[in-house]
Amino acid sequence: MDAAGPPRLLHTGLWEGNVLLDRDTHAILALIDGDRAVYGDPDFEFASSWMDVPALLAGYGIDPSEDISPDRKKRRTLYRLFYALLEAYTPFEKYGDRSPYDNSTPHIESLLAELDSLCGLDRVKKDVKSLINLVNVRNLREEAGLPVPPMS
């Protein structure tokens, strides 16, 4: 992670719906919904599925087909997995809607396989699998009508 360089201010919810443009010039007037803003690696900003918009990436000078370093590939894999888990679990935890969680299982499994294929990161791999197992146990408890302790 040290190779990521100095942290930058990231919106982390930067998608078409959160960018307000001038109707005539398309100049950016405002960014909204910045409640998840953090300082970090710019690659984190572009790892979410809602940032997979070719015109938006091109505007930032990002070429998705460019060859990247092994370290950067590791970071991007971790970031994509983070967003996939967040997007799957949040609707379930906040609203009781299991469908995003259930529908994202193949995508998450694919990202986990990609993570497993990377050299190193043994501690990270173990921690990610532990968190996923915790969520699965919570789901099983809920399905069985057992109490589910809150997560922080």
N, C-alpha and C. Protein backbone atom coordinates (compact mmCIF):
# COMPACT_ATOMS: atom_id res chain seq x y z
N MET A 1 0.82 -1.20 0.00
CA MET A 1 0.00 0.00 0.00
C MET A 1 0.86 1.27 0.00
N ASP A 2 2.11 1.15 0.43
CA ASP A 2 2.98 2.33 0.45
C ASP A 2 3.20 2.91 -0.93
N ALA A 3 3.12 2.06 -1.96
CA ALA A 3 3.36 2.52 -3.33
C ALA A 3 2.23 3.40 -3.87
N ALA A 4 1.16 3.54 -3.12
CA ALA A 4 0.01 4.33 -3.58
C ALA A 4 0.34 5.81 -3.67
N GLY A 5 1.39 6.25 -2.99
CA GLY A 5 1.75 7.66 -3.03
C GLY A 5 0.98 8.46 -2.00
N PRO A 6 1.12 9.77 -2.07
CA PRO A 6 0.46 10.61 -1.06
C PRO A 6 -1.05 10.55 -1.19
N PRO A 7 -1.75 10.58 -0.06
CA PRO A 7 -3.22 10.54 -0.11
C PRO A 7 -3.79 11.81 -0.73
N ARG A 8 -4.92 11.64 -1.36
CA ARG A 8 -5.66 12.75 -1.97
C ARG A 8 -7.08 12.75 -1.41
N LEU A 9 -7.75 13.87 -1.50
CA LEU A 9 -9.14 13.95 -1.07
C LEU A 9 -10.00 13.20 -2.09
N LEU A 10 -10.76 12.22 -1.64
CA LEU A 10 -11.60 11.39 -2.49
C LEU A 10 -13.05 11.57 -2.09
N HIS A 11 -13.91 11.64 -3.05
CA HIS A 11 -15.35 11.76 -2.81
C HIS A 11 -15.94 10.41 -2.43
N THR A 12 -15.55 9.36 -3.08
CA THR A 12 -15.96 7.95 -2.94
C THR A 12 -17.44 7.69 -3.24
N GLY A 13 -18.09 8.63 -3.79
CA GLY A 13 -19.47 8.43 -4.25
C GLY A 13 -19.65 9.23 -5.52
N LEU A 14 -18.56 9.33 -6.26
CA LEU A 14 -18.55 10.17 -7.45
C LEU A 14 -19.08 9.39 -8.64
N TRP A 15 -20.33 9.62 -8.94
CA TRP A 15 -20.97 9.00 -10.10
C TRP A 15 -21.83 10.08 -10.74
N GLU A 16 -22.39 9.77 -11.87
CA GLU A 16 -23.10 10.78 -12.65
C GLU A 16 -24.17 11.52 -11.85
N GLY A 17 -24.85 10.83 -10.95
CA GLY A 17 -25.92 11.44 -10.18
C GLY A 17 -25.45 12.42 -9.11
N ASN A 18 -24.18 12.38 -8.77
CA ASN A 18 -23.65 13.27 -7.74
C ASN A 18 -22.83 14.42 -8.31
N VAL A 19 -22.82 14.55 -9.62
CA VAL A 19 -22.10 15.65 -10.27
C VAL A 19 -23.13 16.54 -10.95
N LEU A 20 -23.24 17.78 -10.48
CA LEU A 20 -24.20 18.73 -11.05
C LEU A 20 -23.49 19.57 -12.11
N LEU A 21 -24.04 19.55 -13.31
CA LEU A 21 -23.43 20.24 -14.45
C LEU A 21 -24.28 21.42 -14.90
N ASP A 22 -23.60 22.41 -15.48
CA ASP A 22 -24.30 23.50 -16.13
C ASP A 22 -25.04 22.93 -17.34
N ARG A 23 -26.29 23.27 -17.49
CA ARG A 23 -27.12 22.72 -18.56
C ARG A 23 -26.56 23.02 -19.94
N ASP A 24 -25.97 24.18 -20.12
CA ASP A 24 -25.49 24.59 -21.44
C ASP A 24 -24.03 24.21 -21.70
N THR A 25 -23.16 24.45 -20.73
CA THR A 25 -21.72 24.26 -20.96
C THR A 25 -21.20 22.92 -20.45
N HIS A 26 -21.99 22.26 -19.64
CA HIS A 26 -21.59 21.01 -18.98
C HIS A 26 -20.43 21.19 -18.01
N ALA A 27 -20.15 22.43 -17.64
CA ALA A 27 -19.13 22.68 -16.62
C ALA A 27 -19.63 22.14 -15.28
N ILE A 28 -18.73 21.62 -14.48
CA ILE A 28 -19.12 21.11 -13.15
C ILE A 28 -19.46 22.28 -12.25
N LEU A 29 -20.67 22.26 -11.72
CA LEU A 29 -21.13 23.30 -10.80
C LEU A 29 -20.95 22.88 -9.35
N ALA A 30 -21.18 21.59 -9.07
CA ALA A 30 -21.09 21.12 -7.69
C ALA A 30 -20.98 19.60 -7.66
N LEU A 31 -20.41 19.12 -6.57
CA LEU A 31 -20.43 17.70 -6.23
C LEU A 31 -21.28 17.58 -4.98
N ILE A 32 -22.20 16.66 -4.98
CA ILE A 32 -23.07 16.50 -3.82
C ILE A 32 -22.85 15.12 -3.19
N ASP A 33 -23.43 14.93 -2.02
CA ASP A 33 -23.43 13.66 -1.31
C ASP A 33 -22.00 13.23 -0.97
N GLY A 34 -21.27 14.10 -0.30
CA GLY A 34 -19.88 13.82 0.06
C GLY A 34 -19.69 13.25 1.45
N ASP A 35 -20.71 12.57 1.97
CA ASP A 35 -20.62 12.07 3.35
C ASP A 35 -19.61 10.95 3.53
N ARG A 36 -19.15 10.34 2.44
CA ARG A 36 -18.15 9.28 2.56
C ARG A 36 -16.77 9.74 2.09
N ALA A 37 -16.56 11.04 2.01
CA ALA A 37 -15.26 11.55 1.55
C ALA A 37 -14.16 11.13 2.52
N VAL A 38 -13.02 10.75 1.96
CA VAL A 38 -11.86 10.32 2.73
C VAL A 38 -10.59 10.80 2.03
N TYR A 39 -9.48 10.71 2.71
CA TYR A 39 -8.18 10.89 2.08
C TYR A 39 -7.64 9.51 1.76
N GLY A 40 -7.12 9.33 0.54
CA GLY A 40 -6.59 8.03 0.19
C GLY A 40 -6.02 7.98 -1.21
N ASP A 41 -5.86 6.77 -1.69
CA ASP A 41 -5.31 6.46 -3.00
C ASP A 41 -6.34 6.81 -4.07
N PRO A 42 -5.99 7.62 -5.08
CA PRO A 42 -6.95 7.94 -6.14
C PRO A 42 -7.55 6.70 -6.81
N ASP A 43 -6.82 5.60 -6.86
CA ASP A 43 -7.38 4.38 -7.44
C ASP A 43 -8.62 3.90 -6.67
N PHE A 44 -8.70 4.23 -5.39
CA PHE A 44 -9.87 3.85 -4.60
C PHE A 44 -11.13 4.53 -5.14
N GLU A 45 -10.98 5.78 -5.56
CA GLU A 45 -12.12 6.54 -6.09
C GLU A 45 -12.73 5.86 -7.31
N PHE A 46 -11.88 5.23 -8.11
CA PHE A 46 -12.34 4.68 -9.38
C PHE A 46 -12.58 3.18 -9.35
N ALA A 47 -12.62 2.59 -8.17
CA ALA A 47 -12.80 1.14 -8.05
C ALA A 47 -14.27 0.72 -7.96
N SER A 48 -15.15 1.64 -7.69
CA SER A 48 -16.56 1.26 -7.53
C SER A 48 -17.22 1.02 -8.88
N SER A 49 -18.24 0.20 -8.88
CA SER A 49 -18.92 -0.15 -10.13
C SER A 49 -19.57 1.08 -10.77
N TRP A 50 -19.99 2.05 -9.98
CA TRP A 50 -20.66 3.21 -10.55
C TRP A 50 -19.67 4.17 -11.22
N MET A 51 -18.37 3.91 -11.06
CA MET A 51 -17.37 4.73 -11.74
C MET A 51 -16.93 4.11 -13.06
N ASP A 52 -17.51 2.99 -13.42
CA ASP A 52 -17.15 2.31 -14.66
C ASP A 52 -17.89 2.94 -15.84
N VAL A 53 -17.61 4.22 -16.06
CA VAL A 53 -18.22 4.99 -17.13
C VAL A 53 -17.07 5.50 -18.00
N PRO A 54 -16.91 4.95 -19.21
CA PRO A 54 -15.75 5.31 -20.03
C PRO A 54 -15.52 6.81 -20.19
N ALA A 55 -16.57 7.59 -20.40
CA ALA A 55 -16.40 9.04 -20.58
C ALA A 55 -15.87 9.69 -19.30
N LEU A 56 -16.34 9.23 -18.15
CA LEU A 56 -15.88 9.78 -16.88
C LEU A 56 -14.41 9.43 -16.65
N LEU A 57 -14.05 8.17 -16.92
CA LEU A 57 -12.66 7.75 -16.76
C LEU A 57 -11.75 8.55 -17.71
N ALA A 58 -12.19 8.71 -18.94
CA ALA A 58 -11.40 9.47 -19.92
C ALA A 58 -11.21 10.91 -19.46
N GLY A 59 -12.23 11.49 -18.85
CA GLY A 59 -12.12 12.85 -18.33
C GLY A 59 -11.07 12.99 -17.25
N TYR A 60 -10.80 11.91 -16.55
CA TYR A 60 -9.76 11.90 -15.53
C TYR A 60 -8.42 11.42 -16.08
N GLY A 61 -8.37 11.16 -17.40
CA GLY A 61 -7.13 10.69 -18.01
C GLY A 61 -6.79 9.25 -17.68
N ILE A 62 -7.81 8.46 -17.37
CA ILE A 62 -7.60 7.06 -17.01
C ILE A 62 -7.93 6.18 -18.20
N ASP A 63 -6.99 5.34 -18.57
CA ASP A 63 -7.20 4.37 -19.63
C ASP A 63 -7.31 3.00 -18.98
N PRO A 64 -8.53 2.42 -18.91
CA PRO A 64 -8.70 1.14 -18.21
C PRO A 64 -7.88 0.00 -18.81
N SER A 65 -7.45 0.14 -20.04
CA SER A 65 -6.69 -0.93 -20.67
C SER A 65 -5.19 -0.83 -20.42
N GLU A 66 -4.74 0.25 -19.76
CA GLU A 66 -3.31 0.43 -19.54
C GLU A 66 -2.76 -0.67 -18.65
N ASP A 67 -1.53 -1.05 -18.91
CA ASP A 67 -0.85 -2.06 -18.11
C ASP A 67 -0.47 -1.42 -16.78
N ILE A 68 -0.78 -2.09 -15.69
CA ILE A 68 -0.49 -1.51 -14.38
C ILE A 68 0.48 -2.41 -13.62
N SER A 69 1.14 -1.83 -12.64
CA SER A 69 2.12 -2.57 -11.84
C SER A 69 1.41 -3.62 -10.97
N PRO A 70 2.15 -4.66 -10.57
CA PRO A 70 1.55 -5.67 -9.69
C PRO A 70 1.01 -5.08 -8.38
N ASP A 71 1.73 -4.10 -7.80
CA ASP A 71 1.25 -3.48 -6.56
C ASP A 71 -0.06 -2.74 -6.79
N ARG A 72 -0.14 -2.02 -7.91
CA ARG A 72 -1.37 -1.29 -8.20
C ARG A 72 -2.51 -2.25 -8.48
N LYS A 73 -2.23 -3.37 -9.13
CA LYS A 73 -3.26 -4.38 -9.37
C LYS A 73 -3.81 -4.93 -8.05
N LYS A 74 -2.93 -5.17 -7.09
CA LYS A 74 -3.36 -5.65 -5.77
C LYS A 74 -4.28 -4.63 -5.11
N ARG A 75 -3.86 -3.36 -5.14
CA ARG A 75 -4.68 -2.33 -4.51
C ARG A 75 -6.04 -2.24 -5.18
N ARG A 76 -6.07 -2.24 -6.50
CA ARG A 76 -7.35 -2.13 -7.22
C ARG A 76 -8.26 -3.32 -6.92
N THR A 77 -7.69 -4.51 -6.81
CA THR A 77 -8.48 -5.69 -6.47
C THR A 77 -9.11 -5.52 -5.09
N LEU A 78 -8.31 -5.10 -4.12
CA LEU A 78 -8.84 -4.88 -2.77
C LEU A 78 -9.92 -3.80 -2.77
N TYR A 79 -9.69 -2.73 -3.49
CA TYR A 79 -10.66 -1.65 -3.54
C TYR A 79 -11.97 -2.12 -4.18
N ARG A 80 -11.89 -2.86 -5.28
CA ARG A 80 -13.11 -3.34 -5.95
C ARG A 80 -13.87 -4.30 -5.03
N LEU A 81 -13.14 -5.14 -4.30
CA LEU A 81 -13.79 -6.05 -3.37
C LEU A 81 -14.47 -5.27 -2.25
N PHE A 82 -13.82 -4.23 -1.74
CA PHE A 82 -14.43 -3.40 -0.71
C PHE A 82 -15.76 -2.83 -1.18
N TYR A 83 -15.76 -2.22 -2.36
CA TYR A 83 -17.00 -1.63 -2.87
C TYR A 83 -18.07 -2.69 -3.13
N ALA A 84 -17.68 -3.84 -3.66
CA ALA A 84 -18.66 -4.91 -3.92
C ALA A 84 -19.31 -5.36 -2.63
N LEU A 85 -18.52 -5.52 -1.58
CA LEU A 85 -19.07 -5.94 -0.29
C LEU A 85 -19.95 -4.84 0.30
N LEU A 86 -19.51 -3.60 0.20
CA LEU A 86 -20.30 -2.47 0.70
C LEU A 86 -21.64 -2.38 -0.01
N GLU A 87 -21.62 -2.47 -1.33
CA GLU A 87 -22.84 -2.35 -2.12
C GLU A 87 -23.78 -3.53 -1.90
N ALA A 88 -23.23 -4.68 -1.56
CA ALA A 88 -24.05 -5.86 -1.32
C ALA A 88 -24.65 -5.84 0.08
N TYR A 89 -23.86 -5.43 1.05
CA TYR A 89 -24.28 -5.57 2.44
C TYR A 89 -25.10 -4.40 2.95
N THR A 90 -24.80 -3.18 2.52
CA THR A 90 -25.48 -2.01 3.06
C THR A 90 -27.00 -2.07 2.91
N PRO A 91 -27.55 -2.38 1.72
CA PRO A 91 -29.01 -2.44 1.61
C PRO A 91 -29.63 -3.51 2.52
N PHE A 92 -28.90 -4.60 2.71
CA PHE A 92 -29.39 -5.66 3.58
C PHE A 92 -29.40 -5.19 5.04
N GLU A 93 -28.30 -4.61 5.49
CA GLU A 93 -28.19 -4.18 6.88
C GLU A 93 -29.12 -3.01 7.19
N LYS A 94 -29.19 -2.03 6.28
CA LYS A 94 -29.99 -0.83 6.55
C LYS A 94 -31.48 -1.02 6.30
N TYR A 95 -31.83 -1.80 5.25
CA TYR A 95 -33.23 -1.85 4.83
C TYR A 95 -33.81 -3.26 4.81
N GLY A 96 -33.02 -4.26 5.17
CA GLY A 96 -33.50 -5.63 5.15
C GLY A 96 -33.68 -6.19 3.75
N ASP A 97 -33.07 -5.55 2.77
CA ASP A 97 -33.20 -6.00 1.38
C ASP A 97 -32.03 -6.93 1.04
N ARG A 98 -32.30 -8.22 0.96
CA ARG A 98 -31.26 -9.21 0.69
C ARG A 98 -30.89 -9.31 -0.78
N SER A 99 -31.72 -8.80 -1.68
CA SER A 99 -31.49 -9.05 -3.10
C SER A 99 -30.13 -8.56 -3.59
N PRO A 100 -29.66 -7.35 -3.22
CA PRO A 100 -28.32 -6.97 -3.69
C PRO A 100 -27.24 -7.91 -3.16
N TYR A 101 -27.42 -8.36 -1.92
CA TYR A 101 -26.46 -9.29 -1.33
C TYR A 101 -26.48 -10.62 -2.07
N ASP A 102 -27.66 -11.16 -2.27
CA ASP A 102 -27.78 -12.45 -2.96
C ASP A 102 -27.33 -12.36 -4.42
N ASN A 103 -27.70 -11.27 -5.10
CA ASN A 103 -27.36 -11.12 -6.51
C ASN A 103 -25.88 -10.87 -6.75
N SER A 104 -25.17 -10.37 -5.74
CA SER A 104 -23.77 -10.03 -5.94
C SER A 104 -22.82 -11.18 -5.60
N THR A 105 -23.35 -12.28 -5.11
CA THR A 105 -22.49 -13.39 -4.70
C THR A 105 -21.52 -13.84 -5.79
N PRO A 106 -21.96 -14.06 -7.04
CA PRO A 106 -20.98 -14.47 -8.06
C PRO A 106 -19.87 -13.43 -8.29
N HIS A 107 -20.24 -12.15 -8.27
CA HIS A 107 -19.24 -11.09 -8.47
C HIS A 107 -18.24 -11.09 -7.31
N ILE A 108 -18.74 -11.20 -6.09
CA ILE A 108 -17.86 -11.21 -4.92
C ILE A 108 -16.96 -12.44 -4.96
N GLU A 109 -17.51 -13.59 -5.31
CA GLU A 109 -16.69 -14.81 -5.40
C GLU A 109 -15.61 -14.66 -6.46
N SER A 110 -15.92 -14.00 -7.56
CA SER A 110 -14.93 -13.75 -8.60
C SER A 110 -13.81 -12.84 -8.08
N LEU A 111 -14.18 -11.80 -7.35
CA LEU A 111 -13.17 -10.90 -6.78
C LEU A 111 -12.33 -11.61 -5.72
N LEU A 112 -12.95 -12.49 -4.93
CA LEU A 112 -12.19 -13.26 -3.94
C LEU A 112 -11.19 -14.19 -4.62
N ALA A 113 -11.61 -14.80 -5.73
CA ALA A 113 -10.69 -15.66 -6.49
C ALA A 113 -9.53 -14.83 -7.05
N GLU A 114 -9.85 -13.63 -7.52
CA GLU A 114 -8.79 -12.74 -8.02
C GLU A 114 -7.83 -12.37 -6.89
N LEU A 115 -8.38 -12.07 -5.71
CA LEU A 115 -7.55 -11.76 -4.55
C LEU A 115 -6.67 -12.95 -4.19
N ASP A 116 -7.25 -14.15 -4.17
CA ASP A 116 -6.48 -15.35 -3.83
C ASP A 116 -5.36 -15.62 -4.83
N SER A 117 -5.53 -15.19 -6.08
CA SER A 117 -4.52 -15.44 -7.10
C SER A 117 -3.31 -14.51 -6.97
N LEU A 118 -3.45 -13.45 -6.19
CA LEU A 118 -2.35 -12.49 -6.03
C LEU A 118 -1.34 -13.02 -5.01
N CYS A 119 -0.07 -12.74 -5.26
CA CYS A 119 0.99 -13.14 -4.34
C CYS A 119 0.95 -12.25 -3.10
N GLY A 120 1.18 -12.87 -1.96
CA GLY A 120 1.23 -12.11 -0.71
C GLY A 120 -0.16 -11.81 -0.18
N LEU A 121 -0.23 -10.80 0.65
CA LEU A 121 -1.49 -10.32 1.24
C LEU A 121 -2.18 -11.39 2.09
N ASP A 122 -1.42 -12.31 2.67
CA ASP A 122 -2.02 -13.41 3.42
C ASP A 122 -2.90 -12.91 4.57
N ARG A 123 -2.44 -11.91 5.30
CA ARG A 123 -3.22 -11.38 6.43
C ARG A 123 -4.51 -10.73 5.93
N VAL A 124 -4.41 -9.97 4.84
CA VAL A 124 -5.58 -9.31 4.27
C VAL A 124 -6.59 -10.35 3.80
N LYS A 125 -6.12 -11.37 3.11
CA LYS A 125 -7.00 -12.43 2.62
C LYS A 125 -7.73 -13.09 3.78
N LYS A 126 -7.01 -13.37 4.85
CA LYS A 126 -7.61 -14.00 6.03
C LYS A 126 -8.67 -13.09 6.66
N ASP A 127 -8.34 -11.81 6.80
CA ASP A 127 -9.28 -10.85 7.41
C ASP A 127 -10.55 -10.69 6.56
N VAL A 128 -10.39 -10.60 5.25
CA VAL A 128 -11.55 -10.45 4.36
C VAL A 128 -12.46 -11.66 4.48
N LYS A 129 -11.89 -12.84 4.46
CA LYS A 129 -12.70 -14.06 4.56
C LYS A 129 -13.38 -14.16 5.93
N SER A 130 -12.70 -13.71 6.96
CA SER A 130 -13.29 -13.71 8.30
C SER A 130 -14.51 -12.79 8.36
N LEU A 131 -14.40 -11.61 7.77
CA LEU A 131 -15.53 -10.68 7.76
C LEU A 131 -16.71 -11.23 6.95
N ILE A 132 -16.40 -11.85 5.82
CA ILE A 132 -17.47 -12.44 5.01
C ILE A 132 -18.15 -13.57 5.77
N ASN A 133 -17.37 -14.38 6.47
CA ASN A 133 -17.96 -15.45 7.28
C ASN A 133 -18.85 -14.89 8.38
N LEU A 134 -18.43 -13.78 8.98
CA LEU A 134 -19.24 -13.14 10.02
C LEU A 134 -20.59 -12.71 9.45
N VAL A 135 -20.58 -12.11 8.29
CA VAL A 135 -21.83 -11.69 7.65
C VAL A 135 -22.70 -12.91 7.34
N ASN A 136 -22.10 -13.97 6.84
CA ASN A 136 -22.87 -15.18 6.52
C ASN A 136 -23.49 -15.79 7.77
N VAL A 137 -22.77 -15.80 8.88
CA VAL A 137 -23.33 -16.32 10.13
C VAL A 137 -24.49 -15.44 10.59
N ARG A 138 -24.34 -14.13 10.46
CA ARG A 138 -25.44 -13.23 10.82
C ARG A 138 -26.69 -13.53 9.97
N ASN A 139 -26.48 -13.78 8.68
CA ASN A 139 -27.61 -14.10 7.80
C ASN A 139 -28.28 -15.40 8.23
N LEU A 140 -27.48 -16.40 8.55
CA LEU A 140 -28.04 -17.68 8.99
C LEU A 140 -28.82 -17.52 10.30
N ARG A 141 -28.29 -16.72 11.21
CA ARG A 141 -29.00 -16.48 12.49
C ARG A 141 -30.35 -15.80 12.22
N GLU A 142 -30.35 -14.82 11.34
CA GLU A 142 -31.61 -14.11 11.03
C GLU A 142 -32.61 -15.07 10.40
N GLU A 143 -32.16 -15.89 9.46
CA GLU A 143 -33.05 -16.85 8.80
C GLU A 143 -33.63 -17.84 9.80
N ALA A 144 -32.86 -18.17 10.84
CA ALA A 144 -33.31 -19.12 11.86
C ALA A 144 -34.14 -18.46 12.96
N GLY A 145 -34.32 -17.14 12.86
CA GLY A 145 -35.11 -16.42 13.86
C GLY A 145 -34.35 -16.18 15.15
N LEU A 146 -33.03 -16.27 15.11
CA LEU A 146 -32.20 -16.04 16.29
C LEU A 146 -31.78 -14.58 16.35
N PRO A 147 -31.45 -14.08 17.54
CA PRO A 147 -31.02 -12.68 17.64
C PRO A 147 -29.74 -12.45 16.83
N VAL A 148 -29.67 -11.28 16.22
CA VAL A 148 -28.49 -10.89 15.45
C VAL A 148 -27.90 -9.66 16.10
N PRO A 149 -26.71 -9.81 16.69
CA PRO A 149 -26.10 -8.64 17.35
C PRO A 149 -25.73 -7.57 16.34
N PRO A 150 -25.80 -6.31 16.74
CA PRO A 150 -25.45 -5.23 15.81
C PRO A 150 -23.97 -5.25 15.47
N MET A 151 -23.67 -4.78 14.28
CA MET A 151 -22.26 -4.63 13.87
C MET A 151 -21.90 -3.16 13.88
N SER A 152 -20.66 -2.89 14.22
CA SER A 152 -20.22 -1.49 14.21
C SER A 152 -19.30 -1.26 13.05
